[in-house]
Amino acid sequence: MNASRRDFLRLAAATPAAAALGALDTGPAGAQALTPTPSCADGSPTPRRTEGPYFKPESPARTSLLEPGLPGTRIAVAGTILSTGCQPVPRALVDFWQADDSGAYDNAGFRLRGHQFADDQGRYRLETIVPGVYPGRTRHFHVKVQAPNGPVLTTQLYFPGEAGNQRDPIFSRDLVMQVRDAADGKAGTFDFVLDLRGRGRS
């Protein structure tokens, strides 16, 4: 296990309960790319949200959570990891986990779980399915993001226009992705903004 992954797991255990690797244009030719949100211009980091009960360490390294026979609407989520100074964060670790199309989590294995490292421009891209909903929660992805040797951001990403958004006490408008229809499902964008002031702390 490399140092960044060890640091991530160590910090994740102590933490309570984000332009693609290629261009994000999975729609028709000539479609305008979405602008990821939120902006880092005001210097505010991405809000934290609870880890919840379903996080598992040691997820597989992969940029696609799709598997043969996996039901659900496909979605590609992409963006950039930025500092509060609006600078890209190279090689940031991004760990995703989510419910399946019926709203259930795989707690025995690693279905719909995976981590990846952003590229040298801080860009990430994930292929997966739109998560289902379950009682008490709106539709969401769980995410942990960590700059190399930096503190862990634990948060969630939400979908626009969901009926459950206003009923979910954990929901935040600052964590809503931009989502549009694409040729093979949906495409979403979101930039994560990290506060790096705790970088290197033990």
N, C-alpha and C. Protein backbone atom coordinates (compact mmCIF):
# COMPACT_ATOMS: atom_id res chain seq x y z
N MET A 1 0.85 -1.18 0.00
CA MET A 1 0.00 0.00 0.00
C MET A 1 0.89 1.23 0.00
N ASN A 2 0.62 2.23 -0.87
CA ASN A 2 1.49 3.38 -0.91
C ASN A 2 1.18 4.35 0.22
N ALA A 3 2.07 5.35 0.39
CA ALA A 3 1.96 6.24 1.53
C ALA A 3 0.67 7.04 1.51
N SER A 4 0.27 7.51 0.33
CA SER A 4 -0.94 8.31 0.26
C SER A 4 -2.16 7.51 0.70
N ARG A 5 -2.22 6.25 0.27
CA ARG A 5 -3.35 5.42 0.65
C ARG A 5 -3.34 5.16 2.15
N ARG A 6 -2.15 4.91 2.73
CA ARG A 6 -2.07 4.70 4.18
C ARG A 6 -2.51 5.94 4.92
N ASP A 7 -2.06 7.11 4.48
CA ASP A 7 -2.46 8.36 5.12
C ASP A 7 -3.97 8.54 5.05
N PHE A 8 -4.52 8.22 3.88
CA PHE A 8 -5.97 8.36 3.72
C PHE A 8 -6.72 7.48 4.71
N LEU A 9 -6.33 6.23 4.82
CA LEU A 9 -7.03 5.31 5.71
C LEU A 9 -6.86 5.70 7.16
N ARG A 10 -5.66 6.17 7.51
CA ARG A 10 -5.43 6.59 8.90
C ARG A 10 -6.31 7.79 9.24
N LEU A 11 -6.34 8.78 8.36
CA LEU A 11 -7.14 9.96 8.62
C LEU A 11 -8.63 9.68 8.52
N ALA A 12 -9.00 8.80 7.60
CA ALA A 12 -10.42 8.48 7.47
C ALA A 12 -10.96 7.85 8.74
N ALA A 13 -10.15 7.04 9.38
CA ALA A 13 -10.59 6.40 10.61
C ALA A 13 -10.81 7.42 11.72
N ALA A 14 -10.08 8.55 11.64
CA ALA A 14 -10.19 9.58 12.67
C ALA A 14 -11.20 10.66 12.29
N THR A 15 -11.75 10.59 11.12
CA THR A 15 -12.65 11.63 10.64
C THR A 15 -14.09 11.23 10.90
N PRO A 16 -14.91 12.11 11.52
CA PRO A 16 -16.29 11.77 11.72
C PRO A 16 -17.06 11.74 10.40
N ALA A 17 -18.29 10.89 11.46
CA ALA A 17 -19.31 10.92 10.59
C ALA A 17 -20.20 11.79 11.39
N ALA A 18 -14.54 15.49 -7.29
CA ALA A 18 -14.59 16.35 -7.67
C ALA A 18 -14.28 16.66 -9.18
N ALA A 19 -13.52 19.19 -15.04
CA ALA A 19 -13.09 18.65 -16.34
C ALA A 19 -12.72 17.21 -16.10
N ALA A 20 -13.00 16.27 -16.73
CA ALA A 20 -12.73 14.86 -16.61
C ALA A 20 -11.28 14.57 -16.90
N LEU A 21 -10.88 13.28 -16.78
CA LEU A 21 -9.55 12.87 -17.20
C LEU A 21 -9.40 13.09 -18.69
N GLY A 22 -10.53 13.00 -19.39
CA GLY A 22 -10.66 13.53 -20.74
C GLY A 22 -11.79 14.51 -20.65
N ALA A 23 -12.14 15.20 -21.71
CA ALA A 23 -13.21 16.18 -21.62
C ALA A 23 -14.52 15.49 -21.31
N LEU A 24 -15.32 16.11 -20.44
CA LEU A 24 -16.62 15.55 -20.12
C LEU A 24 -17.62 16.03 -21.16
N ASP A 25 -17.72 15.31 -22.24
CA ASP A 25 -18.70 15.62 -23.27
C ASP A 25 -19.17 14.31 -23.85
N THR A 26 -20.03 13.65 -23.06
CA THR A 26 -20.53 12.35 -23.49
C THR A 26 -21.84 12.48 -24.25
N GLY A 27 -22.27 13.72 -24.48
CA GLY A 27 -23.51 13.94 -25.20
C GLY A 27 -23.26 14.09 -26.68
N PRO A 28 -24.24 14.63 -27.37
CA PRO A 28 -24.12 14.79 -28.82
C PRO A 28 -22.97 15.70 -29.18
N ALA A 29 -22.43 15.51 -30.38
CA ALA A 29 -21.31 16.33 -30.83
C ALA A 29 -21.70 17.79 -30.78
N GLY A 30 -20.77 18.61 -30.25
CA GLY A 30 -21.01 20.03 -30.20
C GLY A 30 -21.73 20.49 -28.95
N ALA A 31 -22.15 19.57 -28.08
CA ALA A 31 -22.83 19.96 -26.84
C ALA A 31 -21.84 20.69 -25.94
N GLN A 32 -22.32 21.75 -25.32
CA GLN A 32 -21.44 22.55 -24.47
C GLN A 32 -21.15 21.81 -23.17
N ALA A 33 -19.87 21.78 -22.77
CA ALA A 33 -19.51 21.13 -21.52
C ALA A 33 -20.05 21.91 -20.35
N LEU A 34 -20.40 21.21 -19.28
CA LEU A 34 -20.90 21.86 -18.08
C LEU A 34 -19.77 22.49 -17.30
N THR A 35 -20.07 23.54 -16.59
CA THR A 35 -19.10 24.15 -15.68
C THR A 35 -19.28 23.52 -14.31
N PRO A 36 -18.24 22.85 -13.80
CA PRO A 36 -18.40 22.22 -12.48
C PRO A 36 -18.68 23.25 -11.40
N THR A 37 -19.32 22.81 -10.32
CA THR A 37 -19.64 23.68 -9.20
C THR A 37 -19.14 23.03 -7.92
N PRO A 38 -18.97 23.76 -6.82
CA PRO A 38 -19.06 25.20 -6.74
C PRO A 38 -17.76 25.86 -7.14
N SER A 39 -17.77 27.18 -7.27
CA SER A 39 -16.55 27.91 -7.59
C SER A 39 -15.67 28.01 -6.36
N CYS A 40 -14.36 28.04 -6.57
CA CYS A 40 -13.45 28.22 -5.45
C CYS A 40 -13.14 29.70 -5.22
N ALA A 41 -13.78 30.61 -5.99
CA ALA A 41 -13.41 32.02 -5.98
C ALA A 41 -13.56 32.68 -4.61
N ASP A 42 -14.51 32.22 -3.80
CA ASP A 42 -14.69 32.87 -2.50
C ASP A 42 -13.82 32.27 -1.42
N GLY A 43 -12.99 31.27 -1.78
CA GLY A 43 -12.07 30.69 -0.82
C GLY A 43 -12.68 29.70 0.16
N SER A 44 -13.95 29.35 -0.04
CA SER A 44 -14.62 28.43 0.87
C SER A 44 -14.43 26.98 0.43
N PRO A 45 -14.04 26.09 1.33
CA PRO A 45 -13.90 24.68 0.95
C PRO A 45 -15.26 24.01 0.76
N THR A 46 -15.25 22.89 0.07
CA THR A 46 -16.46 22.08 -0.07
C THR A 46 -16.97 21.67 1.30
N PRO A 47 -18.27 21.82 1.57
CA PRO A 47 -18.80 21.46 2.88
C PRO A 47 -18.63 19.97 3.19
N ARG A 48 -18.43 19.69 4.44
CA ARG A 48 -18.35 18.31 4.90
C ARG A 48 -19.75 17.76 5.15
N ARG A 49 -19.87 16.46 5.01
CA ARG A 49 -21.10 15.76 5.36
C ARG A 49 -20.72 14.43 5.99
N THR A 50 -21.66 13.86 6.72
CA THR A 50 -21.41 12.64 7.47
C THR A 50 -20.96 11.49 6.58
N GLU A 51 -20.08 10.69 7.11
CA GLU A 51 -19.63 9.48 6.43
C GLU A 51 -20.76 8.46 6.32
N GLY A 52 -21.63 8.43 7.31
CA GLY A 52 -22.69 7.43 7.34
C GLY A 52 -22.15 6.07 7.77
N PRO A 53 -23.02 5.08 7.85
CA PRO A 53 -22.62 3.78 8.40
C PRO A 53 -22.02 2.81 7.39
N TYR A 54 -21.91 3.18 6.11
CA TYR A 54 -21.59 2.20 5.09
C TYR A 54 -20.21 2.34 4.45
N PHE A 55 -19.36 3.20 4.99
CA PHE A 55 -18.00 3.31 4.44
C PHE A 55 -17.20 2.06 4.74
N LYS A 56 -16.38 1.62 3.75
CA LYS A 56 -15.45 0.52 3.94
C LYS A 56 -14.08 0.94 3.42
N PRO A 57 -13.02 0.80 4.22
CA PRO A 57 -11.68 1.10 3.72
C PRO A 57 -11.22 0.03 2.72
N GLU A 58 -10.10 0.32 2.06
CA GLU A 58 -9.47 -0.62 1.13
C GLU A 58 -10.33 -0.91 -0.09
N SER A 59 -11.05 0.10 -0.59
CA SER A 59 -11.82 -0.10 -1.82
C SER A 59 -10.88 -0.33 -2.99
N PRO A 60 -11.34 -0.99 -4.06
CA PRO A 60 -10.48 -1.23 -5.22
C PRO A 60 -10.12 0.08 -5.93
N ALA A 61 -8.94 0.11 -6.54
CA ALA A 61 -8.54 1.25 -7.38
C ALA A 61 -9.19 1.08 -8.75
N ARG A 62 -10.12 1.96 -9.11
CA ARG A 62 -10.79 1.87 -10.41
C ARG A 62 -11.55 3.17 -10.68
N THR A 63 -11.64 3.52 -11.95
CA THR A 63 -12.37 4.72 -12.36
C THR A 63 -13.77 4.40 -12.86
N SER A 64 -14.10 3.12 -12.95
CA SER A 64 -15.45 2.70 -13.34
C SER A 64 -15.97 1.70 -12.33
N LEU A 65 -17.17 1.95 -11.84
CA LEU A 65 -17.84 1.02 -10.93
C LEU A 65 -18.84 0.14 -11.66
N LEU A 66 -18.88 0.26 -12.99
CA LEU A 66 -19.82 -0.53 -13.78
C LEU A 66 -19.39 -1.99 -13.84
N GLU A 67 -20.35 -2.89 -13.76
CA GLU A 67 -20.11 -4.32 -13.84
C GLU A 67 -21.15 -4.94 -14.76
N PRO A 68 -20.84 -6.08 -15.39
CA PRO A 68 -21.83 -6.74 -16.24
C PRO A 68 -23.11 -7.05 -15.47
N GLY A 69 -24.24 -6.74 -16.07
CA GLY A 69 -25.52 -7.05 -15.45
C GLY A 69 -25.96 -6.08 -14.38
N LEU A 70 -25.21 -5.01 -14.13
CA LEU A 70 -25.57 -4.05 -13.09
C LEU A 70 -26.72 -3.18 -13.59
N PRO A 71 -27.88 -3.25 -12.94
CA PRO A 71 -29.00 -2.43 -13.41
C PRO A 71 -28.84 -0.98 -12.99
N GLY A 72 -29.48 -0.08 -13.73
CA GLY A 72 -29.47 1.32 -13.37
C GLY A 72 -29.08 2.21 -14.54
N THR A 73 -29.33 3.49 -14.39
CA THR A 73 -28.98 4.48 -15.41
C THR A 73 -27.52 4.85 -15.27
N ARG A 74 -26.77 4.78 -16.35
CA ARG A 74 -25.35 5.13 -16.29
C ARG A 74 -25.15 6.62 -16.11
N ILE A 75 -24.10 6.97 -15.40
CA ILE A 75 -23.73 8.37 -15.24
C ILE A 75 -22.21 8.47 -15.18
N ALA A 76 -21.64 9.50 -15.81
CA ALA A 76 -20.23 9.82 -15.69
C ALA A 76 -20.13 11.12 -14.91
N VAL A 77 -19.42 11.08 -13.78
CA VAL A 77 -19.23 12.26 -12.94
C VAL A 77 -17.77 12.68 -13.04
N ALA A 78 -17.54 13.97 -13.29
CA ALA A 78 -16.17 14.44 -13.48
C ALA A 78 -16.01 15.85 -12.95
N GLY A 79 -14.76 16.23 -12.71
CA GLY A 79 -14.47 17.57 -12.24
C GLY A 79 -13.01 17.69 -11.88
N THR A 80 -12.70 18.69 -11.09
CA THR A 80 -11.33 18.99 -10.70
C THR A 80 -11.24 19.15 -9.20
N ILE A 81 -10.14 18.70 -8.62
CA ILE A 81 -9.85 18.94 -7.20
C ILE A 81 -9.05 20.23 -7.12
N LEU A 82 -9.54 21.20 -6.39
CA LEU A 82 -8.91 22.51 -6.29
C LEU A 82 -8.61 22.86 -4.84
N SER A 83 -7.65 23.75 -4.63
CA SER A 83 -7.41 24.33 -3.32
C SER A 83 -8.31 25.54 -3.15
N THR A 84 -8.40 26.06 -1.93
CA THR A 84 -9.18 27.28 -1.71
C THR A 84 -8.56 28.47 -2.43
N GLY A 85 -7.30 28.34 -2.88
CA GLY A 85 -6.67 29.35 -3.71
C GLY A 85 -6.91 29.13 -5.19
N CYS A 86 -7.81 28.23 -5.54
CA CYS A 86 -8.21 27.93 -6.93
C CYS A 86 -7.09 27.27 -7.74
N GLN A 87 -6.17 26.59 -7.07
CA GLN A 87 -5.11 25.89 -7.76
C GLN A 87 -5.44 24.39 -7.82
N PRO A 88 -5.18 23.73 -8.94
CA PRO A 88 -5.42 22.28 -9.01
C PRO A 88 -4.60 21.53 -7.97
N VAL A 89 -5.14 20.45 -7.46
CA VAL A 89 -4.45 19.60 -6.48
C VAL A 89 -4.09 18.30 -7.18
N PRO A 90 -2.86 18.14 -7.65
CA PRO A 90 -2.48 16.92 -8.38
C PRO A 90 -2.53 15.69 -7.48
N ARG A 91 -2.90 14.59 -8.09
CA ARG A 91 -2.82 13.26 -7.46
C ARG A 91 -3.63 13.15 -6.17
N ALA A 92 -4.67 13.94 -6.05
CA ALA A 92 -5.55 13.81 -4.88
C ALA A 92 -6.27 12.46 -4.94
N LEU A 93 -6.48 11.88 -3.79
CA LEU A 93 -7.20 10.61 -3.69
C LEU A 93 -8.70 10.89 -3.58
N VAL A 94 -9.50 10.19 -4.38
CA VAL A 94 -10.95 10.35 -4.37
C VAL A 94 -11.58 8.97 -4.22
N ASP A 95 -12.32 8.77 -3.15
CA ASP A 95 -12.92 7.47 -2.83
C ASP A 95 -14.44 7.62 -2.85
N PHE A 96 -15.12 6.83 -3.70
CA PHE A 96 -16.57 6.89 -3.84
C PHE A 96 -17.22 5.61 -3.32
N TRP A 97 -18.39 5.76 -2.72
CA TRP A 97 -19.24 4.60 -2.45
C TRP A 97 -20.69 5.06 -2.51
N GLN A 98 -21.58 4.12 -2.85
CA GLN A 98 -22.97 4.49 -3.13
C GLN A 98 -23.91 3.30 -3.02
N ALA A 99 -25.21 3.62 -2.96
CA ALA A 99 -26.24 2.60 -3.03
C ALA A 99 -26.44 2.15 -4.47
N ASP A 100 -26.99 0.95 -4.63
CA ASP A 100 -27.31 0.47 -5.97
C ASP A 100 -28.64 1.05 -6.45
N ASP A 101 -29.12 0.57 -7.58
CA ASP A 101 -30.33 1.10 -8.19
C ASP A 101 -31.56 0.94 -7.29
N SER A 102 -31.53 -0.02 -6.39
CA SER A 102 -32.67 -0.24 -5.49
C SER A 102 -32.48 0.43 -4.14
N GLY A 103 -31.36 1.14 -3.94
CA GLY A 103 -31.13 1.83 -2.68
C GLY A 103 -30.37 1.04 -1.64
N ALA A 104 -29.75 -0.08 -2.04
CA ALA A 104 -29.03 -0.93 -1.10
C ALA A 104 -27.52 -0.80 -1.28
N TYR A 105 -26.79 -0.89 -0.18
CA TYR A 105 -25.33 -0.89 -0.22
C TYR A 105 -24.80 -2.31 -0.12
N ASP A 106 -23.69 -2.56 -0.81
CA ASP A 106 -22.99 -3.84 -0.68
C ASP A 106 -22.04 -3.73 0.51
N ASN A 107 -22.42 -4.33 1.62
CA ASN A 107 -21.58 -4.29 2.82
C ASN A 107 -20.72 -5.52 2.97
N ALA A 108 -20.91 -6.50 2.09
CA ALA A 108 -20.10 -7.72 2.16
C ALA A 108 -18.90 -7.63 1.23
N GLY A 109 -19.06 -6.96 0.09
CA GLY A 109 -17.98 -6.82 -0.89
C GLY A 109 -17.74 -5.38 -1.25
N PHE A 110 -17.35 -5.14 -2.49
CA PHE A 110 -16.99 -3.79 -2.91
C PHE A 110 -17.74 -3.35 -4.17
N ARG A 111 -18.95 -3.88 -4.34
CA ARG A 111 -19.78 -3.44 -5.45
C ARG A 111 -20.13 -1.97 -5.27
N LEU A 112 -19.96 -1.16 -6.31
CA LEU A 112 -20.22 0.27 -6.30
C LEU A 112 -19.39 1.00 -5.26
N ARG A 113 -18.14 0.54 -5.14
CA ARG A 113 -17.15 1.19 -4.28
C ARG A 113 -15.83 1.22 -5.04
N GLY A 114 -15.09 2.31 -4.94
CA GLY A 114 -13.80 2.37 -5.60
C GLY A 114 -13.11 3.70 -5.35
N HIS A 115 -11.78 3.66 -5.42
CA HIS A 115 -11.00 4.90 -5.29
C HIS A 115 -10.14 5.11 -6.53
N GLN A 116 -9.73 6.36 -6.73
CA GLN A 116 -8.86 6.72 -7.84
C GLN A 116 -8.02 7.91 -7.42
N PHE A 117 -6.98 8.21 -8.20
CA PHE A 117 -6.16 9.38 -7.97
C PHE A 117 -6.39 10.36 -9.11
N ALA A 118 -6.61 11.63 -8.77
CA ALA A 118 -6.73 12.66 -9.79
C ALA A 118 -5.44 12.75 -10.58
N ASP A 119 -5.51 13.28 -11.80
CA ASP A 119 -4.32 13.39 -12.63
C ASP A 119 -3.48 14.60 -12.20
N ASP A 120 -2.45 14.92 -12.98
CA ASP A 120 -1.54 16.00 -12.59
C ASP A 120 -2.18 17.38 -12.66
N GLN A 121 -3.36 17.49 -13.27
CA GLN A 121 -4.11 18.73 -13.27
C GLN A 121 -5.27 18.70 -12.28
N GLY A 122 -5.27 17.69 -11.41
CA GLY A 122 -6.31 17.59 -10.40
C GLY A 122 -7.64 17.07 -10.89
N ARG A 123 -7.68 16.49 -12.09
CA ARG A 123 -8.95 16.06 -12.67
C ARG A 123 -9.28 14.60 -12.34
N TYR A 124 -10.56 14.34 -12.11
CA TYR A 124 -11.03 12.98 -11.87
C TYR A 124 -12.22 12.70 -12.79
N ARG A 125 -12.51 11.43 -12.99
CA ARG A 125 -13.70 11.02 -13.75
C ARG A 125 -14.14 9.65 -13.28
N LEU A 126 -15.41 9.52 -12.96
CA LEU A 126 -15.98 8.26 -12.47
C LEU A 126 -17.13 7.83 -13.35
N GLU A 127 -17.13 6.55 -13.75
CA GLU A 127 -18.27 5.96 -14.44
C GLU A 127 -19.00 5.06 -13.46
N THR A 128 -20.31 5.25 -13.34
CA THR A 128 -21.08 4.46 -12.39
C THR A 128 -22.55 4.49 -12.80
N ILE A 129 -23.44 4.22 -11.87
CA ILE A 129 -24.88 4.34 -12.11
C ILE A 129 -25.46 5.37 -11.16
N VAL A 130 -26.63 5.88 -11.52
CA VAL A 130 -27.36 6.78 -10.63
C VAL A 130 -27.81 5.97 -9.41
N PRO A 131 -27.44 6.39 -8.20
CA PRO A 131 -27.83 5.61 -7.02
C PRO A 131 -29.33 5.68 -6.77
N GLY A 132 -29.85 4.61 -6.18
CA GLY A 132 -31.25 4.59 -5.78
C GLY A 132 -31.45 5.34 -4.48
N VAL A 133 -32.69 5.47 -4.10
CA VAL A 133 -33.02 6.15 -2.84
C VAL A 133 -33.51 5.12 -1.83
N TYR A 134 -33.42 5.50 -0.57
CA TYR A 134 -33.93 4.65 0.49
C TYR A 134 -34.54 5.54 1.56
N PRO A 135 -35.35 5.00 2.47
CA PRO A 135 -36.11 5.84 3.40
C PRO A 135 -35.22 6.79 4.20
N GLY A 136 -35.63 8.03 4.27
CA GLY A 136 -34.94 9.04 5.06
C GLY A 136 -33.87 9.82 4.34
N ARG A 137 -33.47 9.39 3.14
CA ARG A 137 -32.39 10.06 2.41
C ARG A 137 -32.82 10.38 0.99
N THR A 138 -32.24 11.46 0.47
CA THR A 138 -32.38 11.77 -0.94
C THR A 138 -31.29 11.06 -1.72
N ARG A 139 -31.31 11.16 -3.04
CA ARG A 139 -30.33 10.47 -3.88
C ARG A 139 -28.95 11.12 -3.69
N HIS A 140 -27.89 10.31 -3.51
CA HIS A 140 -26.57 10.88 -3.22
C HIS A 140 -25.45 9.90 -3.48
N PHE A 141 -24.25 10.46 -3.67
CA PHE A 141 -22.99 9.72 -3.63
C PHE A 141 -22.25 10.10 -2.36
N HIS A 142 -21.51 9.14 -1.80
CA HIS A 142 -20.57 9.42 -0.72
C HIS A 142 -19.17 9.57 -1.31
N VAL A 143 -18.38 10.49 -0.75
CA VAL A 143 -17.04 10.74 -1.27
C VAL A 143 -16.09 11.11 -0.13
N LYS A 144 -14.87 10.61 -0.22
CA LYS A 144 -13.76 11.10 0.59
C LYS A 144 -12.69 11.61 -0.38
N VAL A 145 -12.17 12.80 -0.11
CA VAL A 145 -11.16 13.42 -0.96
C VAL A 145 -9.98 13.82 -0.08
N GLN A 146 -8.76 13.50 -0.54
CA GLN A 146 -7.57 13.82 0.24
C GLN A 146 -6.43 14.25 -0.67
N ALA A 147 -5.91 15.45 -0.45
CA ALA A 147 -4.67 15.86 -1.11
C ALA A 147 -3.54 15.02 -0.55
N PRO A 148 -2.47 14.81 -1.32
CA PRO A 148 -1.34 14.04 -0.78
C PRO A 148 -0.86 14.62 0.55
N ASN A 149 -0.83 13.76 1.55
CA ASN A 149 -0.41 14.14 2.90
C ASN A 149 -1.29 15.21 3.53
N GLY A 150 -2.51 15.38 3.02
CA GLY A 150 -3.41 16.39 3.56
C GLY A 150 -4.54 15.78 4.35
N PRO A 151 -5.38 16.63 4.95
CA PRO A 151 -6.53 16.13 5.70
C PRO A 151 -7.60 15.57 4.76
N VAL A 152 -8.45 14.72 5.29
CA VAL A 152 -9.50 14.09 4.50
C VAL A 152 -10.78 14.93 4.55
N LEU A 153 -11.35 15.19 3.38
CA LEU A 153 -12.68 15.77 3.28
C LEU A 153 -13.67 14.63 3.07
N THR A 154 -14.62 14.48 3.97
CA THR A 154 -15.70 13.50 3.81
C THR A 154 -16.98 14.27 3.50
N THR A 155 -17.62 13.93 2.39
CA THR A 155 -18.79 14.70 1.98
C THR A 155 -19.73 13.83 1.16
N GLN A 156 -20.76 14.45 0.60
CA GLN A 156 -21.72 13.76 -0.26
C GLN A 156 -22.05 14.66 -1.44
N LEU A 157 -22.46 14.05 -2.55
CA LEU A 157 -22.89 14.78 -3.73
C LEU A 157 -24.36 14.48 -4.00
N TYR A 158 -25.10 15.53 -4.37
CA TYR A 158 -26.54 15.40 -4.56
C TYR A 158 -26.95 15.72 -6.00
N PHE A 159 -28.17 15.33 -6.35
CA PHE A 159 -28.72 15.52 -7.68
C PHE A 159 -29.73 16.68 -7.67
N PRO A 160 -29.75 17.49 -8.72
CA PRO A 160 -30.71 18.59 -8.77
C PRO A 160 -32.13 18.08 -9.01
N GLY A 161 -33.09 18.81 -8.47
CA GLY A 161 -34.49 18.54 -8.77
C GLY A 161 -35.07 17.31 -8.12
N GLU A 162 -34.37 16.72 -7.15
CA GLU A 162 -34.89 15.53 -6.47
C GLU A 162 -35.96 15.92 -5.45
N ALA A 163 -37.06 15.17 -5.46
CA ALA A 163 -38.15 15.47 -4.53
C ALA A 163 -37.69 15.36 -3.08
N GLY A 164 -36.72 14.47 -2.82
CA GLY A 164 -36.28 14.24 -1.44
C GLY A 164 -35.29 15.25 -0.92
N ASN A 165 -34.80 16.15 -1.78
CA ASN A 165 -33.77 17.08 -1.32
C ASN A 165 -34.22 17.91 -0.12
N GLN A 166 -35.40 18.47 -0.20
CA GLN A 166 -35.85 19.36 0.87
C GLN A 166 -36.26 18.61 2.13
N ARG A 167 -36.49 17.31 2.03
CA ARG A 167 -36.86 16.52 3.20
C ARG A 167 -35.66 15.90 3.91
N ASP A 168 -34.50 15.94 3.26
CA ASP A 168 -33.31 15.29 3.81
C ASP A 168 -32.53 16.29 4.66
N PRO A 169 -32.39 16.06 5.97
CA PRO A 169 -31.71 17.03 6.82
C PRO A 169 -30.22 17.17 6.55
N ILE A 170 -29.63 16.21 5.81
CA ILE A 170 -28.20 16.26 5.51
C ILE A 170 -27.95 17.01 4.20
N PHE A 171 -28.97 17.19 3.39
CA PHE A 171 -28.84 17.81 2.07
C PHE A 171 -28.26 19.22 2.17
N SER A 172 -27.41 19.58 1.18
CA SER A 172 -26.88 20.93 1.05
C SER A 172 -26.90 21.34 -0.41
N ARG A 173 -27.42 22.54 -0.70
CA ARG A 173 -27.42 23.03 -2.08
C ARG A 173 -26.00 23.23 -2.61
N ASP A 174 -25.05 23.46 -1.71
CA ASP A 174 -23.66 23.65 -2.13
C ASP A 174 -23.03 22.36 -2.64
N LEU A 175 -23.69 21.24 -2.45
CA LEU A 175 -23.16 19.95 -2.86
C LEU A 175 -23.95 19.33 -4.02
N VAL A 176 -24.77 20.12 -4.69
CA VAL A 176 -25.55 19.64 -5.82
C VAL A 176 -24.69 19.66 -7.09
N MET A 177 -24.61 18.54 -7.77
CA MET A 177 -23.90 18.45 -9.04
C MET A 177 -24.70 19.13 -10.14
N GLN A 178 -24.02 19.51 -11.21
CA GLN A 178 -24.71 19.84 -12.45
C GLN A 178 -24.86 18.53 -13.21
N VAL A 179 -26.07 18.21 -13.61
CA VAL A 179 -26.37 16.94 -14.28
C VAL A 179 -27.18 17.21 -15.54
N ARG A 180 -26.82 16.54 -16.61
CA ARG A 180 -27.56 16.64 -17.87
C ARG A 180 -27.68 15.26 -18.49
N ASP A 181 -28.62 15.14 -19.42
CA ASP A 181 -28.77 13.90 -20.18
C ASP A 181 -27.60 13.75 -21.15
N ALA A 182 -27.15 12.53 -21.34
CA ALA A 182 -26.08 12.22 -22.27
C ALA A 182 -26.53 11.07 -23.16
N ALA A 183 -25.71 10.76 -24.17
CA ALA A 183 -26.10 9.74 -25.15
C ALA A 183 -26.34 8.38 -24.51
N ASP A 184 -25.56 8.06 -23.48
CA ASP A 184 -25.69 6.73 -22.87
C ASP A 184 -26.14 6.80 -21.41
N GLY A 185 -26.80 7.87 -21.02
CA GLY A 185 -27.27 7.99 -19.65
C GLY A 185 -27.28 9.44 -19.21
N LYS A 186 -26.42 9.74 -18.23
CA LYS A 186 -26.33 11.10 -17.72
C LYS A 186 -24.88 11.49 -17.53
N ALA A 187 -24.63 12.80 -17.47
CA ALA A 187 -23.29 13.33 -17.21
C ALA A 187 -23.40 14.37 -16.11
N GLY A 188 -22.50 14.29 -15.13
CA GLY A 188 -22.51 15.23 -14.03
C GLY A 188 -21.14 15.84 -13.82
N THR A 189 -21.11 17.02 -13.23
CA THR A 189 -19.85 17.67 -12.93
C THR A 189 -19.88 18.26 -11.53
N PHE A 190 -18.73 18.22 -10.90
CA PHE A 190 -18.57 18.85 -9.58
C PHE A 190 -17.09 19.03 -9.30
N ASP A 191 -16.71 20.23 -8.87
CA ASP A 191 -15.35 20.50 -8.42
C ASP A 191 -15.31 20.45 -6.91
N PHE A 192 -14.34 19.73 -6.36
CA PHE A 192 -14.12 19.73 -4.92
C PHE A 192 -13.09 20.80 -4.57
N VAL A 193 -13.33 21.55 -3.52
CA VAL A 193 -12.41 22.58 -3.06
C VAL A 193 -11.91 22.19 -1.68
N LEU A 194 -10.59 22.01 -1.56
CA LEU A 194 -9.99 21.52 -0.33
C LEU A 194 -9.30 22.63 0.44
N ASP A 195 -9.46 22.60 1.75
CA ASP A 195 -8.70 23.46 2.65
C ASP A 195 -7.42 22.70 2.99
N LEU A 196 -6.28 23.17 2.49
CA LEU A 196 -5.01 22.46 2.65
C LEU A 196 -4.21 22.97 3.84
N ARG A 197 -4.81 23.77 4.68
CA ARG A 197 -4.04 24.34 5.79
C ARG A 197 -3.61 23.28 6.79
N GLY A 198 -4.32 22.14 6.81
CA GLY A 198 -3.92 21.06 7.71
C GLY A 198 -2.94 20.08 7.08
N ARG A 199 -2.43 20.38 5.86
CA ARG A 199 -1.54 19.47 5.15
C ARG A 199 -0.33 19.11 6.02
N GLY A 200 -0.06 17.83 6.10
CA GLY A 200 1.13 17.34 6.79
C GLY A 200 0.94 17.14 8.28
N ARG A 201 -0.25 17.50 8.82
CA ARG A 201 -0.43 17.26 10.24
C ARG A 201 -0.62 15.79 10.51
N SER A 202 -0.15 15.35 11.66
CA SER A 202 -0.33 13.95 12.04
C SER A 202 -1.50 13.81 12.99
